[in-house]
N, C-alpha and C. Protein backbone atom coordinates (compact mmCIF):
# COMPACT_ATOMS: atom_id res chain seq x y z
N MET A 1 95.88 120.98 79.79
CA MET A 1 95.95 121.59 81.10
C MET A 1 97.40 121.99 81.33
N SER A 2 97.60 123.20 81.77
CA SER A 2 98.95 123.70 81.98
C SER A 2 99.57 123.06 83.22
N MET A 3 100.87 123.17 83.31
CA MET A 3 101.59 122.58 84.44
C MET A 3 101.19 123.25 85.75
N VAL A 4 100.94 124.56 85.72
CA VAL A 4 100.51 125.27 86.93
C VAL A 4 99.18 124.72 87.43
N MET A 5 98.26 124.46 86.50
CA MET A 5 96.96 123.93 86.90
C MET A 5 97.08 122.50 87.41
N ARG A 6 97.99 121.74 86.85
CA ARG A 6 98.21 120.37 87.34
C ARG A 6 98.75 120.39 88.77
N VAL A 7 99.69 121.28 89.05
CA VAL A 7 100.24 121.39 90.41
C VAL A 7 99.15 121.86 91.36
N ALA A 8 98.35 122.83 90.92
CA ALA A 8 97.26 123.33 91.76
C ALA A 8 96.27 122.21 92.06
N LEU A 9 95.95 121.42 91.05
CA LEU A 9 95.02 120.32 91.25
C LEU A 9 95.60 119.26 92.19
N ALA A 10 96.89 118.99 92.07
CA ALA A 10 97.53 118.03 92.98
C ALA A 10 97.49 118.54 94.43
N LEU A 11 97.74 119.83 94.62
CA LEU A 11 97.69 120.39 95.98
C LEU A 11 96.27 120.38 96.53
N VAL A 12 95.29 120.60 95.67
CA VAL A 12 93.89 120.52 96.12
C VAL A 12 93.55 119.10 96.55
N ILE A 13 94.05 118.12 95.82
CA ILE A 13 93.80 116.73 96.19
C ILE A 13 94.47 116.41 97.52
N ILE A 14 95.69 116.91 97.73
CA ILE A 14 96.37 116.71 99.01
C ILE A 14 95.57 117.35 100.14
N GLY A 15 95.07 118.56 99.90
CA GLY A 15 94.24 119.23 100.91
C GLY A 15 92.96 118.46 101.19
N ALA A 16 92.36 117.91 100.14
CA ALA A 16 91.13 117.13 100.34
C ALA A 16 91.40 115.86 101.14
N LEU A 17 92.53 115.23 100.87
CA LEU A 17 92.89 114.04 101.66
C LEU A 17 93.13 114.41 103.12
N ASN A 18 93.76 115.54 103.35
CA ASN A 18 93.99 115.99 104.72
C ASN A 18 92.66 116.25 105.43
N TRP A 19 91.73 116.92 104.73
CA TRP A 19 90.42 117.17 105.32
C TRP A 19 89.65 115.87 105.54
N GLY A 20 89.84 114.89 104.67
CA GLY A 20 89.22 113.58 104.88
C GLY A 20 89.75 112.91 106.14
N LEU A 21 91.06 113.02 106.34
CA LEU A 21 91.65 112.45 107.57
C LEU A 21 91.12 113.16 108.81
N ILE A 22 90.97 114.48 108.72
CA ILE A 22 90.42 115.23 109.85
C ILE A 22 88.98 114.82 110.12
N GLY A 23 88.20 114.72 109.06
CA GLY A 23 86.78 114.39 109.22
C GLY A 23 86.53 112.98 109.73
N PHE A 24 87.27 112.01 109.20
CA PHE A 24 87.03 110.62 109.58
C PHE A 24 87.75 110.21 110.85
N PHE A 25 88.96 110.69 111.06
CA PHE A 25 89.77 110.20 112.16
C PHE A 25 90.22 111.28 113.14
N GLY A 26 89.93 112.53 112.86
CA GLY A 26 90.38 113.61 113.73
C GLY A 26 91.89 113.77 113.71
N PHE A 27 92.53 113.43 112.58
CA PHE A 27 93.98 113.45 112.46
C PHE A 27 94.38 114.46 111.38
N ASP A 28 95.10 115.49 111.77
CA ASP A 28 95.57 116.51 110.84
C ASP A 28 97.00 116.18 110.44
N LEU A 29 97.17 115.64 109.24
CA LEU A 29 98.49 115.20 108.78
C LEU A 29 99.46 116.36 108.61
N VAL A 30 98.99 117.48 108.07
CA VAL A 30 99.86 118.64 107.87
C VAL A 30 100.37 119.15 109.22
N ALA A 31 99.48 119.25 110.19
CA ALA A 31 99.88 119.72 111.53
C ALA A 31 100.85 118.74 112.17
N THR A 32 100.64 117.45 111.95
CA THR A 32 101.53 116.45 112.53
C THR A 32 102.93 116.53 111.92
N ILE A 33 102.99 116.69 110.61
CA ILE A 33 104.29 116.73 109.93
C ILE A 33 105.05 118.00 110.28
N PHE A 34 104.34 119.13 110.35
CA PHE A 34 105.03 120.42 110.51
C PHE A 34 104.98 120.97 111.93
N GLY A 35 104.58 120.17 112.91
CA GLY A 35 104.70 120.57 114.31
C GLY A 35 103.52 121.32 114.88
N GLY A 36 102.34 121.18 114.34
CA GLY A 36 101.14 121.83 114.88
C GLY A 36 100.55 122.81 113.89
N GLN A 37 99.27 123.14 114.15
CA GLN A 37 98.55 124.03 113.23
C GLN A 37 99.04 125.47 113.30
N ASN A 38 99.61 125.88 114.40
CA ASN A 38 99.99 127.27 114.58
C ASN A 38 101.43 127.58 114.18
N THR A 39 102.15 126.59 113.67
CA THR A 39 103.52 126.87 113.23
C THR A 39 103.48 127.60 111.90
N ILE A 40 104.53 128.36 111.66
CA ILE A 40 104.60 129.15 110.42
C ILE A 40 104.57 128.25 109.20
N LEU A 41 105.30 127.13 109.25
CA LEU A 41 105.37 126.23 108.09
C LEU A 41 104.01 125.61 107.78
N ALA A 42 103.27 125.20 108.80
CA ALA A 42 101.94 124.64 108.57
C ALA A 42 101.00 125.69 107.99
N LYS A 43 101.10 126.92 108.47
CA LYS A 43 100.25 128.00 107.94
C LYS A 43 100.58 128.28 106.48
N ILE A 44 101.86 128.19 106.12
CA ILE A 44 102.25 128.39 104.71
C ILE A 44 101.65 127.27 103.84
N ILE A 45 101.72 126.04 104.33
CA ILE A 45 101.15 124.91 103.57
C ILE A 45 99.64 125.10 103.42
N TYR A 46 98.96 125.46 104.49
CA TYR A 46 97.52 125.70 104.41
C TYR A 46 97.21 126.81 103.41
N ALA A 47 98.01 127.86 103.41
CA ALA A 47 97.78 128.98 102.49
C ALA A 47 98.01 128.56 101.04
N ILE A 48 99.05 127.79 100.79
CA ILE A 48 99.33 127.33 99.42
C ILE A 48 98.22 126.42 98.92
N VAL A 49 97.75 125.54 99.77
CA VAL A 49 96.65 124.64 99.38
C VAL A 49 95.38 125.46 99.13
N GLY A 50 95.13 126.46 99.95
CA GLY A 50 93.97 127.32 99.74
C GLY A 50 94.05 128.10 98.43
N LEU A 51 95.23 128.63 98.11
CA LEU A 51 95.40 129.34 96.84
C LEU A 51 95.26 128.39 95.65
N SER A 52 95.70 127.16 95.83
CA SER A 52 95.54 126.15 94.77
C SER A 52 94.06 125.85 94.56
N GLY A 53 93.30 125.84 95.63
CA GLY A 53 91.86 125.65 95.50
C GLY A 53 91.21 126.77 94.72
N LEU A 54 91.66 127.99 94.97
CA LEU A 54 91.13 129.13 94.20
C LEU A 54 91.50 129.01 92.73
N ALA A 55 92.71 128.59 92.45
CA ALA A 55 93.13 128.42 91.05
C ALA A 55 92.36 127.29 90.38
N ALA A 56 92.05 126.23 91.13
CA ALA A 56 91.33 125.10 90.55
C ALA A 56 89.87 125.42 90.27
N ILE A 57 89.35 126.47 90.86
CA ILE A 57 87.97 126.88 90.55
C ILE A 57 87.83 127.19 89.07
N ALA A 58 88.91 127.67 88.46
CA ALA A 58 88.87 127.99 87.03
C ALA A 58 88.55 126.76 86.19
N LEU A 59 88.92 125.57 86.68
CA LEU A 59 88.62 124.34 85.93
C LEU A 59 87.12 124.08 85.84
N LEU A 60 86.37 124.55 86.83
CA LEU A 60 84.91 124.37 86.80
C LEU A 60 84.26 125.15 85.67
N PHE A 61 84.84 126.28 85.33
CA PHE A 61 84.23 127.16 84.33
C PHE A 61 84.89 127.06 82.96
N LYS A 62 85.86 126.17 82.82
CA LYS A 62 86.54 125.99 81.54
C LYS A 62 85.63 125.17 80.63
N PRO A 63 85.35 125.65 79.42
CA PRO A 63 84.46 124.89 78.52
C PRO A 63 85.03 123.51 78.19
N ASP A 64 84.14 122.55 78.01
CA ASP A 64 84.56 121.20 77.70
C ASP A 64 85.35 121.13 76.39
N GLU A 65 85.04 121.99 75.45
CA GLU A 65 85.73 121.96 74.16
C GLU A 65 87.22 122.25 74.34
N GLU A 66 87.55 123.17 75.26
CA GLU A 66 88.95 123.49 75.48
C GLU A 66 89.69 122.32 76.10
N ILE A 67 89.05 121.65 77.04
CA ILE A 67 89.68 120.51 77.70
C ILE A 67 89.85 119.37 76.71
N GLU A 68 88.81 119.08 75.90
CA GLU A 68 88.91 118.02 74.92
C GLU A 68 89.87 118.38 73.80
N GLY A 69 89.96 119.67 73.45
CA GLY A 69 90.84 120.10 72.38
C GLY A 69 92.30 119.86 72.68
N GLU A 70 92.67 119.91 73.95
CA GLU A 70 94.06 119.68 74.32
C GLU A 70 94.47 118.25 74.06
N TYR A 71 93.53 117.31 74.15
CA TYR A 71 93.86 115.91 73.99
C TYR A 71 93.57 115.40 72.58
N SER A 72 92.81 116.14 71.79
CA SER A 72 92.47 115.65 70.46
C SER A 72 93.69 115.57 69.56
N GLU A 73 94.65 116.46 69.73
CA GLU A 73 95.87 116.40 68.93
C GLU A 73 96.63 115.12 69.22
N ASN A 74 96.68 114.72 70.48
CA ASN A 74 97.38 113.49 70.84
C ASN A 74 96.63 112.26 70.35
N ARG A 75 95.30 112.33 70.35
CA ARG A 75 94.52 111.19 69.88
C ARG A 75 94.74 110.95 68.40
N GLU A 76 94.91 112.01 67.62
CA GLU A 76 95.13 111.86 66.18
C GLU A 76 96.41 111.09 65.91
N ALA A 77 97.42 111.28 66.76
CA ALA A 77 98.69 110.60 66.55
C ALA A 77 98.57 109.09 66.77
N PHE A 78 97.60 108.65 67.57
CA PHE A 78 97.46 107.24 67.88
C PHE A 78 96.31 106.58 67.12
N ARG A 79 95.68 107.30 66.23
CA ARG A 79 94.58 106.73 65.47
C ARG A 79 95.14 105.89 64.33
N ASN A 80 94.50 104.79 64.02
CA ASN A 80 94.87 103.88 62.93
C ASN A 80 96.31 103.39 63.04
N VAL A 81 96.67 102.96 64.21
CA VAL A 81 98.01 102.43 64.42
C VAL A 81 98.05 101.01 63.89
N ASN A 82 99.12 100.65 63.21
CA ASN A 82 99.28 99.30 62.67
C ASN A 82 99.90 98.42 63.74
N TYR A 83 99.11 97.49 64.27
CA TYR A 83 99.61 96.56 65.27
C TYR A 83 99.95 95.21 64.66
N ASN A 84 99.92 95.13 63.33
CA ASN A 84 100.17 93.88 62.61
C ASN A 84 99.25 92.78 63.12
N ALA A 85 98.03 93.12 63.41
CA ALA A 85 97.02 92.17 63.82
C ALA A 85 95.97 92.10 62.72
N GLU A 86 94.92 91.37 62.96
CA GLU A 86 93.91 91.21 61.92
C GLU A 86 93.18 92.51 61.60
N PHE A 87 93.24 93.49 62.49
CA PHE A 87 92.55 94.74 62.25
C PHE A 87 93.45 95.80 61.63
N GLY A 88 94.75 95.59 61.64
CA GLY A 88 95.67 96.58 61.10
C GLY A 88 96.07 96.23 59.66
N ASP A 89 96.76 97.12 59.02
CA ASP A 89 97.27 96.85 57.69
C ASP A 89 98.48 95.94 57.82
N GLU A 90 98.45 94.87 57.03
CA GLU A 90 99.57 93.94 57.10
C GLU A 90 100.68 94.40 56.16
N PRO A 91 101.92 94.17 56.57
CA PRO A 91 103.03 94.59 55.72
C PRO A 91 103.09 93.77 54.44
N ASP A 92 103.64 94.34 53.40
CA ASP A 92 103.74 93.69 52.10
C ASP A 92 105.12 93.07 51.98
N PHE A 93 105.16 91.73 52.01
CA PHE A 93 106.42 91.02 51.93
C PHE A 93 106.67 90.42 50.54
N THR A 94 105.89 90.82 49.55
CA THR A 94 106.04 90.22 48.22
C THR A 94 107.40 90.53 47.62
N ALA A 95 107.92 91.73 47.82
CA ALA A 95 109.23 92.06 47.27
C ALA A 95 110.30 91.20 47.93
N MET A 96 110.18 90.96 49.21
CA MET A 96 111.15 90.14 49.91
C MET A 96 111.06 88.70 49.42
N ARG A 97 109.85 88.23 49.16
CA ARG A 97 109.66 86.87 48.69
C ARG A 97 110.32 86.69 47.33
N ARG A 98 110.17 87.69 46.44
CA ARG A 98 110.79 87.62 45.12
C ARG A 98 112.31 87.58 45.24
N ASP A 99 112.88 88.39 46.16
CA ASP A 99 114.33 88.39 46.36
C ASP A 99 114.81 87.03 46.86
N ASN A 100 114.06 86.42 47.76
CA ASN A 100 114.45 85.11 48.29
C ASN A 100 114.38 84.05 47.20
N GLU A 101 113.33 84.10 46.38
CA GLU A 101 113.21 83.13 45.30
C GLU A 101 114.36 83.29 44.31
N ARG A 102 114.74 84.51 44.03
CA ARG A 102 115.85 84.77 43.11
C ARG A 102 117.15 84.24 43.71
N ASP A 103 117.35 84.44 45.02
CA ASP A 103 118.56 83.94 45.66
C ASP A 103 118.61 82.41 45.61
N ILE A 104 117.47 81.78 45.80
CA ILE A 104 117.41 80.32 45.77
C ILE A 104 117.76 79.82 44.37
N THR A 105 117.19 80.42 43.33
CA THR A 105 117.46 79.96 41.97
C THR A 105 118.92 80.20 41.61
N ILE A 106 119.52 81.28 42.08
CA ILE A 106 120.94 81.54 41.80
C ILE A 106 121.79 80.49 42.50
N GLU A 107 121.46 80.13 43.73
CA GLU A 107 122.21 79.11 44.46
C GLU A 107 122.06 77.75 43.79
N ASP A 108 120.83 77.44 43.30
CA ASP A 108 120.61 76.16 42.63
C ASP A 108 121.42 76.08 41.34
N GLU A 109 121.55 77.18 40.61
CA GLU A 109 122.29 77.18 39.36
C GLU A 109 123.78 77.02 39.62
N ASP A 110 124.27 77.49 40.77
CA ASP A 110 125.68 77.37 41.09
C ASP A 110 126.08 75.92 41.37
N LYS A 111 125.15 75.11 41.81
CA LYS A 111 125.47 73.72 42.18
C LYS A 111 125.58 72.87 41.01
């Protein structure tokens, strides 16, 4: 999802929350913040939220494959991650063990 669509979706959610406040409590948050429904600033906010709603309509008609395709690349990066648990591949410490054994035998010979 592009950044423009994310911003549009966020503004639609803000508009939906405002309409929820109006419907349940009769409280218009945008009008309260910007000095009433008839102020220029409140009208601009209402217009931007309305345009965001129009842009978000495109999400309804976007095929599921396109939406899933955007995240499949990221999922591949996190597949088969080694967490060093019983389900992951355990690291091979045999070379380190051999080096330690060699160091021990060298130290024993020095004594």
